[in-house]
N, C-alpha and C. Protein backbone atom coordinates (compact mmCIF):
# COMPACT_ATOMS: atom_id res chain seq x y z
N UNK A 1 1.02 -1.35 -0.10
CA UNK A 1 -0.12 -0.16 -0.24
C UNK A 1 0.84 1.23 -0.02
N UNK A 2 0.18 2.34 -0.79
CA UNK A 2 1.24 3.24 -0.77
C UNK A 2 1.55 4.03 1.14
N UNK A 3 2.50 4.12 1.20
CA UNK A 3 2.74 4.75 2.57
C UNK A 3 2.13 6.01 2.84
N UNK A 4 1.65 6.94 1.86
CA UNK A 4 1.66 8.30 2.42
C UNK A 4 -0.43 7.81 2.81
N UNK A 5 -1.12 7.15 2.12
CA UNK A 5 -2.42 6.40 2.20
C UNK A 5 -2.02 5.93 3.49
N UNK A 6 -1.60 4.69 3.51
CA UNK A 6 -1.27 3.69 4.97
C UNK A 6 -1.31 4.85 5.84
N UNK A 7 -0.86 6.05 6.25
CA UNK A 7 -0.50 7.12 7.22
C UNK A 7 -1.38 7.61 7.79
N UNK A 8 -2.30 8.08 6.38
CA UNK A 8 -3.45 8.58 6.30
C UNK A 8 -4.50 8.11 7.19
N UNK A 9 -4.51 6.91 6.74
CA UNK A 9 -5.65 5.87 7.40
C UNK A 9 -5.41 6.07 8.90
N UNK A 10 -4.04 5.59 9.08
CA UNK A 10 -3.76 5.05 10.73
C UNK A 10 -4.39 6.53 11.49
N UNK A 11 -3.80 7.84 10.78
CA UNK A 11 -3.97 8.70 11.58
C UNK A 11 -5.59 9.42 11.26
N UNK A 12 -6.70 8.58 10.68
CA UNK A 12 -7.79 8.78 10.56
C UNK A 12 -8.35 10.18 9.57
N UNK A 13 -7.19 10.54 8.93
CA UNK A 13 -7.56 11.66 8.10
C UNK A 13 -8.55 10.86 6.57
N UNK A 14 -8.73 9.30 6.49
CA UNK A 14 -9.34 8.99 5.23
C UNK A 14 -10.08 7.98 6.30
N UNK A 15 -11.39 7.62 5.53
CA UNK A 15 -11.63 5.97 5.95
C UNK A 15 -11.88 4.80 5.22
N UNK A 16 -11.73 4.23 5.49
CA UNK A 16 -10.71 2.59 4.55
C UNK A 16 -11.92 2.62 3.39
N UNK A 17 -13.59 3.18 3.52
CA UNK A 17 -14.33 3.09 2.66
C UNK A 17 -14.21 3.91 1.56
N UNK A 18 -13.60 5.31 1.64
CA UNK A 18 -13.17 6.00 1.10
C UNK A 18 -11.98 5.95 -0.11
N UNK A 19 -11.23 4.48 0.29
CA UNK A 19 -10.32 4.60 -0.78
C UNK A 19 -10.97 3.79 -1.85
N UNK A 20 -10.87 4.03 -2.82
CA UNK A 20 -11.13 3.69 -4.24
C UNK A 20 -10.76 2.24 -4.39
N UNK A 21 -11.67 1.82 -5.08
CA UNK A 21 -11.66 0.28 -5.46
C UNK A 21 -10.06 0.03 -5.76
N UNK A 22 -9.56 0.42 -6.59
CA UNK A 22 -8.72 -0.47 -7.96
C UNK A 22 -7.42 -0.17 -6.65
N UNK A 23 -7.42 0.74 -5.38
CA UNK A 23 -5.76 0.69 -4.97
C UNK A 23 -5.44 -0.50 -4.75
N UNK A 24 -4.44 -0.90 -4.44
CA UNK A 24 -3.67 -1.95 -3.84
C UNK A 24 -3.87 -1.84 -2.61
N UNK A 25 -4.15 -2.76 -1.74
CA UNK A 25 -4.24 -2.44 -0.54
C UNK A 25 -3.44 -3.75 0.56
N UNK A 26 -2.79 -4.42 -0.58
CA UNK A 26 -1.92 -4.86 0.21
C UNK A 26 -0.56 -4.30 1.02
N UNK A 27 -0.70 -4.68 2.39
CA UNK A 27 0.28 -4.38 3.21
C UNK A 27 1.75 -4.45 3.47
N UNK A 28 2.60 -3.76 3.31
CA UNK A 28 4.35 -4.43 3.42
C UNK A 28 4.44 -5.02 4.84
N UNK A 29 5.34 -5.38 4.80
CA UNK A 29 6.04 -6.06 6.52
C UNK A 29 5.90 -5.44 7.15
N UNK A 30 6.62 -3.96 6.91
CA UNK A 30 6.92 -2.97 7.77
C UNK A 30 5.35 -2.35 8.18
N UNK A 31 4.70 -2.32 7.46
CA UNK A 31 3.01 -1.57 7.55
C UNK A 31 2.20 -2.17 8.03
N UNK A 32 2.13 -3.97 7.92
CA UNK A 32 1.83 -4.57 9.05
C UNK A 32 2.52 -4.23 10.42
N UNK A 33 3.73 -4.49 10.77
CA UNK A 33 4.36 -3.93 11.57
C UNK A 33 3.55 -2.95 12.37
N UNK A 34 3.80 -1.86 11.95
CA UNK A 34 3.05 -0.94 12.47
C UNK A 34 1.54 -0.36 12.31
N UNK A 35 0.99 -1.40 11.94
CA UNK A 35 -0.76 -1.85 12.12
C UNK A 35 -0.54 -2.45 13.40
N UNK A 36 0.21 -3.36 13.43
CA UNK A 36 -0.21 -3.73 14.87
C UNK A 36 0.19 -3.17 16.15
N UNK A 37 1.42 -2.23 16.10
CA UNK A 37 1.95 -1.50 17.23
C UNK A 37 0.33 -0.67 17.33
N UNK A 38 0.18 0.10 16.42
CA UNK A 38 -1.03 1.07 16.40
C UNK A 38 -2.19 0.16 17.20
N UNK A 39 -2.98 -0.77 16.97
CA UNK A 39 -3.68 -1.59 17.76
C UNK A 39 -2.90 -2.02 19.44
N UNK A 40 -2.03 -2.13 19.53
CA UNK A 40 -1.33 -1.99 20.85
C UNK A 40 -2.00 -0.94 21.26
N UNK A 41 -1.34 0.29 20.81
CA UNK A 41 -1.37 1.58 21.22
C UNK A 41 -3.22 1.94 21.31
N UNK A 42 -3.87 2.31 20.81
CA UNK A 42 -4.86 2.60 20.50
C UNK A 42 -6.01 1.45 21.26
N UNK A 43 -5.68 0.04 21.26
CA UNK A 43 -6.94 -0.73 21.63
C UNK A 43 -6.32 -2.07 22.37
N UNK A 44 -5.34 -1.45 23.10
CA UNK A 44 -4.83 -2.40 24.05
C UNK A 44 -4.82 -3.46 23.74
N UNK A 45 -4.57 -4.27 22.56
CA UNK A 45 -4.48 -5.23 22.47
C UNK A 45 -3.11 -5.68 22.46
N UNK A 46 -3.09 -6.72 22.82
CA UNK A 46 -1.20 -7.54 22.99
C UNK A 46 -0.60 -7.76 21.52
N UNK A 47 0.56 -7.55 21.53
CA UNK A 47 1.22 -7.63 20.10
C UNK A 47 0.96 -9.47 19.68
N UNK A 48 1.05 -10.18 20.52
CA UNK A 48 0.55 -11.59 19.86
C UNK A 48 -1.03 -11.61 19.24
N UNK A 49 -2.11 -11.02 19.96
CA UNK A 49 -3.43 -10.49 19.55
C UNK A 49 -3.58 -9.95 18.56
N UNK A 50 -2.62 -8.69 18.07
CA UNK A 50 -2.82 -8.25 16.76
C UNK A 50 -1.84 -8.60 15.78
N UNK A 51 -0.86 -9.09 15.88
CA UNK A 51 -0.41 -10.22 15.12
C UNK A 51 -1.30 -11.25 14.33
N UNK A 52 -1.89 -11.43 15.42
CA UNK A 52 -2.91 -12.70 14.30
C UNK A 52 -4.11 -12.03 13.91
N UNK A 53 -4.62 -11.02 14.34
CA UNK A 53 -5.74 -10.49 13.57
C UNK A 53 -5.01 -9.74 12.23
N UNK A 54 -4.02 -9.97 12.23
CA UNK A 54 -2.98 -8.40 11.06
C UNK A 54 -2.89 -9.76 10.05
N UNK A 55 -2.24 -10.66 10.47
CA UNK A 55 -2.09 -11.86 9.73
C UNK A 55 -3.03 -12.34 9.20
């Protein structure tokens, strides 16, 4: 996924529903890691739970 779009999603500047359908939403390994950390920080997930949720 484009890093700028990914960051906008994490920051809440754009909603997932507003992403154009033809956008490649496959996350890189680094983005998956960032998303897991975000889940830990925002929702209090354990890293293991976040990993199983994202993978």
